[in-house]
PDB file of N, CA and C in Angstrom:
ATOM      1  N   MET A   1     -17.244  27.164  14.704  1.00  0.00           N
ATOM      2  CA  MET A   1     -16.072  26.703  15.418  1.00  0.00           C
ATOM      3  C   MET A   1     -15.118  26.044  14.426  1.00  0.00           C
ATOM      4  N   VAL A   2     -13.839  26.313  14.573  1.00  0.00           N
ATOM      5  CA  VAL A   2     -12.825  25.758  13.682  1.00  0.00           C
ATOM      6  C   VAL A   2     -11.995  24.748  14.449  1.00  0.00           C
ATOM      7  N   ASP A   3     -11.776  23.596  13.848  1.00  0.00           N
ATOM      8  CA  ASP A   3     -10.929  22.583  14.474  1.00  0.00           C
ATOM      9  C   ASP A   3      -9.485  22.914  14.125  1.00  0.00           C
ATOM     10  N   ALA A   4      -8.718  23.365  15.092  1.00  0.00           N
ATOM     11  CA  ALA A   4      -7.357  23.811  14.847  1.00  0.00           C
ATOM     12  C   ALA A   4      -6.315  22.702  15.012  1.00  0.00           C
ATOM     13  N   ARG A   5      -6.777  21.489  15.320  1.00  0.00           N
ATOM     14  CA  ARG A   5      -5.816  20.396  15.485  1.00  0.00           C
ATOM     15  C   ARG A   5      -5.136  20.075  14.161  1.00  0.00           C
ATOM     16  N   PRO A   6      -3.824  19.871  14.183  1.00  0.00           N
ATOM     17  CA  PRO A   6      -3.168  19.463  12.938  1.00  0.00           C
ATOM     18  C   PRO A   6      -3.562  18.026  12.612  1.00  0.00           C
ATOM     19  N   PRO A   7      -3.579  17.674  11.329  1.00  0.00           N
ATOM     20  CA  PRO A   7      -3.912  16.299  10.966  1.00  0.00           C
ATOM     21  C   PRO A   7      -2.842  15.329  11.448  1.00  0.00           C
ATOM     22  N   THR A   8      -3.250  14.093  11.696  1.00  0.00           N
ATOM     23  CA  THR A   8      -2.326  13.050  12.122  1.00  0.00           C
ATOM     24  C   THR A   8      -1.984  12.195  10.912  1.00  0.00           C
ATOM     25  N   PRO A   9      -0.705  12.094  10.551  1.00  0.00           N
ATOM     26  CA  PRO A   9      -0.349  11.275   9.395  1.00  0.00           C
ATOM     27  C   PRO A   9      -0.750   9.811   9.600  1.00  0.00           C
ATOM     28  N   TRP A  10      -1.049   9.146   8.508  1.00  0.00           N
ATOM     29  CA  TRP A  10      -1.391   7.719   8.532  1.00  0.00           C
ATOM     30  C   TRP A  10      -0.078   6.951   8.471  1.00  0.00           C
ATOM     31  N   VAL A  11       0.577   6.836   9.613  1.00  0.00           N
ATOM     32  CA  VAL A  11       1.913   6.271   9.727  1.00  0.00           C
ATOM     33  C   VAL A  11       1.976   4.833   9.211  1.00  0.00           C
ATOM     34  N   GLU A  12       0.971   4.040   9.514  1.00  0.00           N
ATOM     35  CA  GLU A  12       0.989   2.636   9.092  1.00  0.00           C
ATOM     36  C   GLU A  12       0.919   2.518   7.571  1.00  0.00           C
ATOM     37  N   LEU A  13       0.145   3.346   6.920  1.00  0.00           N
ATOM     38  CA  LEU A  13       0.076   3.319   5.456  1.00  0.00           C
ATOM     39  C   LEU A  13       1.440   3.650   4.863  1.00  0.00           C
ATOM     40  N   ILE A  14       2.090   4.648   5.403  1.00  0.00           N
ATOM     41  CA  ILE A  14       3.415   5.041   4.921  1.00  0.00           C
ATOM     42  C   ILE A  14       4.409   3.912   5.162  1.00  0.00           C
ATOM     43  N   ARG A  15       4.352   3.285   6.328  1.00  0.00           N
ATOM     44  CA  ARG A  15       5.265   2.184   6.649  1.00  0.00           C
ATOM     45  C   ARG A  15       5.062   1.007   5.696  1.00  0.00           C
ATOM     46  N   LEU A  16       3.805   0.662   5.458  1.00  0.00           N
ATOM     47  CA  LEU A  16       3.510  -0.449   4.548  1.00  0.00           C
ATOM     48  C   LEU A  16       3.935  -0.135   3.117  1.00  0.00           C
ATOM     49  N   ARG A  17       3.732   1.104   2.688  1.00  0.00           N
ATOM     50  CA  ARG A  17       4.170   1.504   1.352  1.00  0.00           C
ATOM     51  C   ARG A  17       5.673   1.417   1.224  1.00  0.00           C
ATOM     52  N   ASP A  18       6.386   1.885   2.251  1.00  0.00           N
ATOM     53  CA  ASP A  18       7.847   1.791   2.240  1.00  0.00           C
ATOM     54  C   ASP A  18       8.307   0.339   2.220  1.00  0.00           C
ATOM     55  N   ARG A  19       7.639  -0.511   3.004  1.00  0.00           N
ATOM     56  CA  ARG A  19       7.992  -1.931   3.044  1.00  0.00           C
ATOM     57  C   ARG A  19       7.799  -2.584   1.674  1.00  0.00           C
ATOM     58  N   ALA A  20       6.794  -2.132   0.941  1.00  0.00           N
ATOM     59  CA  ALA A  20       6.537  -2.655  -0.399  1.00  0.00           C
ATOM     60  C   ALA A  20       7.450  -2.020  -1.447  1.00  0.00           C
ATOM     61  N   LYS A  21       8.303  -1.094  -1.002  1.00  0.00           N
ATOM     62  CA  LYS A  21       9.245  -0.404  -1.879  1.00  0.00           C
ATOM     63  C   LYS A  21       8.525   0.333  -3.009  1.00  0.00           C
ATOM     64  N   LEU A  22       7.451   1.033  -2.623  1.00  0.00           N
ATOM     65  CA  LEU A  22       6.678   1.816  -3.576  1.00  0.00           C
ATOM     66  C   LEU A  22       6.764   3.300  -3.233  1.00  0.00           C
ATOM     67  N   GLU A  23       6.851   4.111  -4.249  1.00  0.00           N
ATOM     68  CA  GLU A  23       6.752   5.555  -4.077  1.00  0.00           C
ATOM     69  C   GLU A  23       5.259   5.896  -3.976  1.00  0.00           C
ATOM     70  N   PRO A  24       4.921   7.044  -3.385  1.00  0.00           N
ATOM     71  CA  PRO A  24       3.508   7.401  -3.281  1.00  0.00           C
ATOM     72  C   PRO A  24       2.780   7.378  -4.626  1.00  0.00           C
ATOM     73  N   ARG A  25       3.419   7.882  -5.675  1.00  0.00           N
ATOM     74  CA  ARG A  25       2.794   7.893  -7.001  1.00  0.00           C
ATOM     75  C   ARG A  25       2.558   6.477  -7.520  1.00  0.00           C
ATOM     76  N   GLN A  26       3.486   5.575  -7.230  1.00  0.00           N
ATOM     77  CA  GLN A  26       3.322   4.191  -7.674  1.00  0.00           C
ATOM     78  C   GLN A  26       2.144   3.524  -6.972  1.00  0.00           C
ATOM     79  N   LEU A  27       2.022   3.744  -5.670  1.00  0.00           N
ATOM     80  CA  LEU A  27       0.899   3.162  -4.932  1.00  0.00           C
ATOM     81  C   LEU A  27      -0.411   3.780  -5.406  1.00  0.00           C
ATOM     82  N   ALA A  28      -0.418   5.085  -5.631  1.00  0.00           N
ATOM     83  CA  ALA A  28      -1.625   5.754  -6.130  1.00  0.00           C
ATOM     84  C   ALA A  28      -2.057   5.129  -7.459  1.00  0.00           C
ATOM     85  N   ALA A  29      -1.117   4.919  -8.357  1.00  0.00           N
ATOM     86  CA  ALA A  29      -1.442   4.319  -9.660  1.00  0.00           C
ATOM     87  C   ALA A  29      -1.944   2.889  -9.489  1.00  0.00           C
ATOM     88  N   ALA A  30      -1.346   2.155  -8.571  1.00  0.00           N
ATOM     89  CA  ALA A  30      -1.730   0.755  -8.356  1.00  0.00           C
ATOM     90  C   ALA A  30      -3.155   0.629  -7.826  1.00  0.00           C
ATOM     91  N   VAL A  31      -3.617   1.623  -7.077  1.00  0.00           N
ATOM     92  CA  VAL A  31      -4.977   1.556  -6.520  1.00  0.00           C
ATOM     93  C   VAL A  31      -5.950   2.467  -7.272  1.00  0.00           C
ATOM     94  N   ASN A  32      -5.461   3.025  -8.387  1.00  0.00           N
ATOM     95  CA  ASN A  32      -6.301   3.819  -9.282  1.00  0.00           C
ATOM     96  C   ASN A  32      -6.858   5.082  -8.635  1.00  0.00           C
ATOM     97  N   ILE A  33      -5.995   5.804  -7.935  1.00  0.00           N
ATOM     98  CA  ILE A  33      -6.349   7.125  -7.413  1.00  0.00           C
ATOM     99  C   ILE A  33      -5.247   8.086  -7.827  1.00  0.00           C
ATOM    100  N   GLY A  34      -5.511   9.356  -7.732  1.00  0.00           N
ATOM    101  CA  GLY A  34      -4.516  10.355  -8.095  1.00  0.00           C
ATOM    102  C   GLY A  34      -3.473  10.535  -7.002  1.00  0.00           C
ATOM    103  N   PRO A  35      -2.310  11.065  -7.379  1.00  0.00           N
ATOM    104  CA  PRO A  35      -1.263  11.298  -6.373  1.00  0.00           C
ATOM    105  C   PRO A  35      -1.664  12.295  -5.296  1.00  0.00           C
ATOM    106  N   THR A  36      -2.512  13.254  -5.646  1.00  0.00           N
ATOM    107  CA  THR A  36      -2.983  14.214  -4.644  1.00  0.00           C
ATOM    108  C   THR A  36      -3.857  13.515  -3.611  1.00  0.00           C
ATOM    109  N   HIS A  37      -4.730  12.630  -4.074  1.00  0.00           N
ATOM    110  CA  HIS A  37      -5.581  11.868  -3.157  1.00  0.00           C
ATOM    111  C   HIS A  37      -4.706  11.024  -2.227  1.00  0.00           C
ATOM    112  N   MET A  38      -3.666  10.376  -2.779  1.00  0.00           N
ATOM    113  CA  MET A  38      -2.755   9.568  -1.957  1.00  0.00           C
ATOM    114  C   MET A  38      -2.081  10.449  -0.908  1.00  0.00           C
ATOM    115  N   SER A  39      -1.681  11.628  -1.307  1.00  0.00           N
ATOM    116  CA  SER A  39      -1.045  12.552  -0.360  1.00  0.00           C
ATOM    117  C   SER A  39      -2.007  12.906   0.774  1.00  0.00           C
ATOM    118  N   TYR A  40      -3.272  13.171   0.433  1.00  0.00           N
ATOM    119  CA  TYR A  40      -4.269  13.479   1.463  1.00  0.00           C
ATOM    120  C   TYR A  40      -4.446  12.303   2.427  1.00  0.00           C
ATOM    121  N   LEU A  41      -4.457  11.092   1.888  1.00  0.00           N
ATOM    122  CA  LEU A  41      -4.604   9.911   2.743  1.00  0.00           C
ATOM    123  C   LEU A  41      -3.410   9.776   3.676  1.00  0.00           C
ATOM    124  N   GLU A  42      -2.204   9.864   3.120  1.00  0.00           N
ATOM    125  CA  GLU A  42      -1.005   9.692   3.949  1.00  0.00           C
ATOM    126  C   GLU A  42      -0.864  10.785   5.005  1.00  0.00           C
ATOM    127  N   ARG A  43      -1.306  11.977   4.682  1.00  0.00           N
ATOM    128  CA  ARG A  43      -1.195  13.077   5.643  1.00  0.00           C
ATOM    129  C   ARG A  43      -2.348  13.109   6.631  1.00  0.00           C
ATOM    130  N   GLY A  44      -3.304  12.188   6.473  1.00  0.00           N
ATOM    131  CA  GLY A  44      -4.416  12.117   7.409  1.00  0.00           C
ATOM    132  C   GLY A  44      -5.482  13.163   7.190  1.00  0.00           C
ATOM    133  N   LEU A  45      -5.515  13.751   5.999  1.00  0.00           N
ATOM    134  CA  LEU A  45      -6.497  14.788   5.710  1.00  0.00           C
ATOM    135  C   LEU A  45      -7.818  14.216   5.217  1.00  0.00           C
ATOM    136  N   ARG A  46      -7.779  13.009   4.696  1.00  0.00           N
ATOM    137  CA  ARG A  46      -8.977  12.350   4.178  1.00  0.00           C
ATOM    138  C   ARG A  46      -8.974  10.891   4.582  1.00  0.00           C
ATOM    139  N   ARG A  47     -10.162  10.294   4.579  1.00  0.00           N
ATOM    140  CA  ARG A  47     -10.300   8.851   4.803  1.00  0.00           C
ATOM    141  C   ARG A  47     -10.636   8.211   3.463  1.00  0.00           C
ATOM    142  N   PRO A  48     -10.127   7.029   3.203  1.00  0.00           N
ATOM    143  CA  PRO A  48     -10.432   6.382   1.924  1.00  0.00           C
ATOM    144  C   PRO A  48     -11.850   5.808   1.917  1.00  0.00           C
ATOM    145  N   SER A  49     -12.404   5.715   0.723  1.00  0.00           N
ATOM    146  CA  SER A  49     -13.674   5.008   0.580  1.00  0.00           C
ATOM    147  C   SER A  49     -13.401   3.524   0.841  1.00  0.00           C
ATOM    148  N   ASN A  50     -14.451   2.749   1.018  1.00  0.00           N
ATOM    149  CA  ASN A  50     -14.264   1.312   1.230  1.00  0.00           C
ATOM    150  C   ASN A  50     -13.564   0.667   0.045  1.00  0.00           C
ATOM    151  N   ALA A  51     -13.904   1.106  -1.173  1.00  0.00           N
ATOM    152  CA  ALA A  51     -13.284   0.538  -2.370  1.00  0.00           C
ATOM    153  C   ALA A  51     -11.785   0.831  -2.397  1.00  0.00           C
ATOM    154  N   VAL A  52     -11.400   2.059  -2.090  1.00  0.00           N
ATOM    155  CA  VAL A  52      -9.980   2.421  -2.077  1.00  0.00           C
ATOM    156  C   VAL A  52      -9.262   1.693  -0.942  1.00  0.00           C
ATOM    157  N   LEU A  53      -9.896   1.594   0.207  1.00  0.00           N
ATOM    158  CA  LEU A  53      -9.292   0.874   1.326  1.00  0.00           C
ATOM    159  C   LEU A  53      -9.012  -0.583   0.936  1.00  0.00           C
ATOM    160  N   TYR A  54      -9.967  -1.225   0.281  1.00  0.00           N
ATOM    161  CA  TYR A  54      -9.796  -2.617  -0.133  1.00  0.00           C
ATOM    162  C   TYR A  54      -8.649  -2.738  -1.139  1.00  0.00           C
ATOM    163  N   ARG A  55      -8.579  -1.806  -2.097  1.00  0.00           N
ATOM    164  CA  ARG A  55      -7.491  -1.858  -3.092  1.00  0.00           C
ATOM    165  C   ARG A  55      -6.143  -1.606  -2.436  1.00  0.00           C
ATOM    166  N   LEU A  56      -6.089  -0.671  -1.483  1.00  0.00           N
ATOM    167  CA  LEU A  56      -4.827  -0.439  -0.754  1.00  0.00           C
ATOM    168  C   LEU A  56      -4.394  -1.706  -0.027  1.00  0.00           C
ATOM    169  N   ALA A  57      -5.332  -2.328   0.658  1.00  0.00           N
ATOM    170  CA  ALA A  57      -5.022  -3.541   1.421  1.00  0.00           C
ATOM    171  C   ALA A  57      -4.524  -4.644   0.494  1.00  0.00           C
ATOM    172  N   THR A  58      -5.156  -4.790  -0.665  1.00  0.00           N
ATOM    173  CA  THR A  58      -4.746  -5.825  -1.611  1.00  0.00           C
ATOM    174  C   THR A  58      -3.329  -5.581  -2.106  1.00  0.00           C
ATOM    175  N   VAL A  59      -3.036  -4.362  -2.523  1.00  0.00           N
ATOM    176  CA  VAL A  59      -1.702  -4.030  -3.041  1.00  0.00           C
ATOM    177  C   VAL A  59      -0.642  -4.162  -1.948  1.00  0.00           C
ATOM    178  N   LEU A  60      -0.992  -3.781  -0.716  1.00  0.00           N
ATOM    179  CA  LEU A  60      -0.024  -3.806   0.387  1.00  0.00           C
ATOM    180  C   LEU A  60      -0.003  -5.142   1.124  1.00  0.00           C
ATOM    181  N   ASN A  61      -0.816  -6.082   0.658  1.00  0.00           N
ATOM    182  CA  ASN A  61      -0.822  -7.441   1.217  1.00  0.00           C
ATOM    183  C   ASN A  61      -1.151  -7.455   2.713  1.00  0.00           C
ATOM    184  N   ILE A  62      -2.254  -6.803   3.053  1.00  0.00           N
ATOM    185  CA  ILE A  62      -2.721  -6.756   4.435  1.00  0.00           C
ATOM    186  C   ILE A  62      -4.245  -6.863   4.410  1.00  0.00           C
ATOM    187  N   ASP A  63      -4.823  -7.370   5.455  1.00  0.00           N
ATOM    188  CA  ASP A  63      -6.279  -7.462   5.555  1.00  0.00           C
ATOM    189  C   ASP A  63      -6.860  -6.054   5.665  1.00  0.00           C
ATOM    190  N   ALA A  64      -7.931  -5.803   4.924  1.00  0.00           N
ATOM    191  CA  ALA A  64      -8.540  -4.473   4.908  1.00  0.00           C
ATOM    192  C   ALA A  64      -8.992  -4.024   6.297  1.00  0.00           C
ATOM    193  N   SER A  65      -9.516  -4.949   7.098  1.00  0.00           N
ATOM    194  CA  SER A  65      -9.971  -4.563   8.442  1.00  0.00           C
ATOM    195  C   SER A  65      -8.787  -4.152   9.317  1.00  0.00           C
ATOM    196  N   GLU A  66      -7.647  -4.810   9.140  1.00  0.00           N
ATOM    197  CA  GLU A  66      -6.452  -4.423   9.909  1.00  0.00           C
ATOM    198  C   GLU A  66      -5.986  -3.042   9.481  1.00  0.00           C
ATOM    199  N   LEU A  67      -6.013  -2.794   8.174  1.00  0.00           N
ATOM    200  CA  LEU A  67      -5.583  -1.484   7.686  1.00  0.00           C
ATOM    201  C   LEU A  67      -6.532  -0.395   8.188  1.00  0.00           C
ATOM    202  N   ARG A  68      -7.839  -0.681   8.190  1.00  0.00           N
ATOM    203  CA  ARG A  68      -8.833   0.295   8.657  1.00  0.00           C
ATOM    204  C   ARG A  68      -8.564   0.691  10.110  1.00  0.00           C
ATOM    205  N   GLU A  69      -8.162  -0.267  10.945  1.00  0.00           N
ATOM    206  CA  GLU A  69      -7.910   0.015  12.364  1.00  0.00           C
ATOM    207  C   GLU A  69      -6.765   0.996  12.573  1.00  0.00           C
ATOM    208  N   THR A  70      -5.878   1.126  11.588  1.00  0.00           N
ATOM    209  CA  THR A  70      -4.724   2.015  11.740  1.00  0.00           C
ATOM    210  C   THR A  70      -4.982   3.429  11.240  1.00  0.00           C
ATOM    211  N   MET A  71      -6.163   3.661  10.648  1.00  0.00           N
ATOM    212  CA  MET A  71      -6.459   4.980  10.082  1.00  0.00           C
ATOM    213  C   MET A  71      -6.586   6.036  11.165  1.00  0.00           C
ATOM    214  N   PRO A  72      -5.944   7.184  10.950  1.00  0.00           N
ATOM    215  CA  PRO A  72      -6.175   8.283  11.894  1.00  0.00           C
ATOM    216  C   PRO A  72      -7.529   8.918  11.599  1.00  0.00           C
ATOM    217  N   THR A  73      -8.052   9.620  12.571  1.00  0.00           N
ATOM    218  CA  THR A  73      -9.292  10.357  12.363  1.00  0.00           C
ATOM    219  C   THR A  73      -8.926  11.721  11.811  1.00  0.00           C
ATOM    220  N   PRO A  74      -9.412  12.059  10.605  1.00  0.00           N
ATOM    221  CA  PRO A  74      -9.052  13.360  10.040  1.00  0.00           C
ATOM    222  C   PRO A  74      -9.694  14.491  10.822  1.00  0.00           C
ATOM    223  N   PRO A  75      -9.085  15.677  10.773  1.00  0.00           N
ATOM    224  CA  PRO A  75      -9.698  16.818  11.460  1.00  0.00           C
ATOM    225  C   PRO A  75     -11.093  17.054  10.888  1.00  0.00           C
ATOM    226  N   THR A  76     -11.984  17.534  11.721  1.00  0.00           N
ATOM    227  CA  THR A  76     -13.329  17.817  11.229  1.00  0.00           C
ATOM    228  C   THR A  76     -13.254  18.945  10.215  1.00  0.00           C
ATOM    229  N   GLN A  77     -14.202  18.942   9.317  1.00  0.00           N
ATOM    230  CA  GLN A  77     -14.225  20.016   8.332  1.00  0.00           C
ATOM    231  C   GLN A  77     -14.575  21.319   9.033  1.00  0.00           C
ATOM    232  N   ARG A  78     -13.985  22.368   8.544  1.00  0.00           N
ATOM    233  CA  ARG A  78     -14.224  23.666   9.160  1.00  0.00           C
ATOM    234  C   ARG A  78     -15.658  24.103   8.940  1.00  0.00           C
ATOM    235  N   ARG A  79     -16.205  24.674   9.988  1.00  0.00           N
ATOM    236  CA  ARG A  79     -17.543  25.243   9.892  1.00  0.00           C
ATOM    237  C   ARG A  79     -17.407  26.739  10.079  1.00  0.00           C
ATOM    238  N   TYR A  80     -18.097  27.465   9.275  1.00  0.00           N
ATOM    239  CA  TYR A  80     -18.006  28.916   9.341  1.00  0.00           C
ATOM    240  C   TYR A  80     -19.257  29.487   9.999  1.00  0.00           C
ATOM    241  N   LEU A  81     -19.050  30.506  10.810  1.00  0.00           N
ATOM    242  CA  LEU A  81     -20.152  31.161  11.473  1.00  0.00           C
ATOM    243  C   LEU A  81     -20.894  32.056  10.494  1.00  0.00           C
ATOM    244  N   LYS A  82     -22.182  32.117  10.668  1.00  0.00           N
ATOM    245  CA  LYS A  82     -22.966  33.084   9.901  1.00  0.00           C
ATOM    246  C   LYS A  82     -22.683  34.449  10.517  1.00  0.00           C
ATOM    247  N   PRO A  83     -22.758  35.521   9.716  1.00  0.00           N
ATOM    248  CA  PRO A  83     -22.459  36.853  10.263  1.00  0.00           C
ATOM    249  C   PRO A  83     -23.274  37.183  11.505  1.00  0.00           C
ATOM    250  N   GLU A  84     -24.532  36.744  11.553  1.00  0.00           N
ATOM    251  CA  GLU A  84     -25.344  37.064  12.741  1.00  0.00           C
ATOM    252  C   GLU A  84     -24.920  36.271  13.968  1.00  0.00           C
ATOM    253  N   ASP A  85     -24.240  35.133  13.773  1.00  0.00           N
ATOM    254  CA  ASP A  85     -23.764  34.320  14.901  1.00  0.00           C
ATOM    255  C   ASP A  85     -22.448  34.831  15.460  1.00  0.00           C
ATOM    256  N   ALA A  86     -21.740  35.632  14.701  1.00  0.00           N
ATOM    257  CA  ALA A  86     -20.406  36.099  15.104  1.00  0.00           C
ATOM    258  C   ALA A  86     -20.461  37.170  16.179  1.00  0.00           C
ATOM    259  N   ALA A  87     -21.583  37.806  16.329  1.00  0.00           N
ATOM    260  CA  ALA A  87     -21.682  38.914  17.286  1.00  0.00           C
ATOM    261  C   ALA A  87     -21.776  38.446  18.706  1.00  0.00           C
TER     262      ALA A  87
END
């Protein structure tokens, strides 16, 4: 079964980044992750590890638990049917 739902952007992360007047690349560098990883987080395709969540919260001046509550749930990873299950 494939989850066809589009990902939900992490609107609060984007809002907080904008409020801090940071570009995505700047925030990525500040929390020691790559710009692609930051893009995945903002687009709701991935969830941050606890370490990344804590660093994001520190840079954005917000409590980590508050930031965690705003995270969207990413789409489930696609599962592929075995050829014998497809029939």
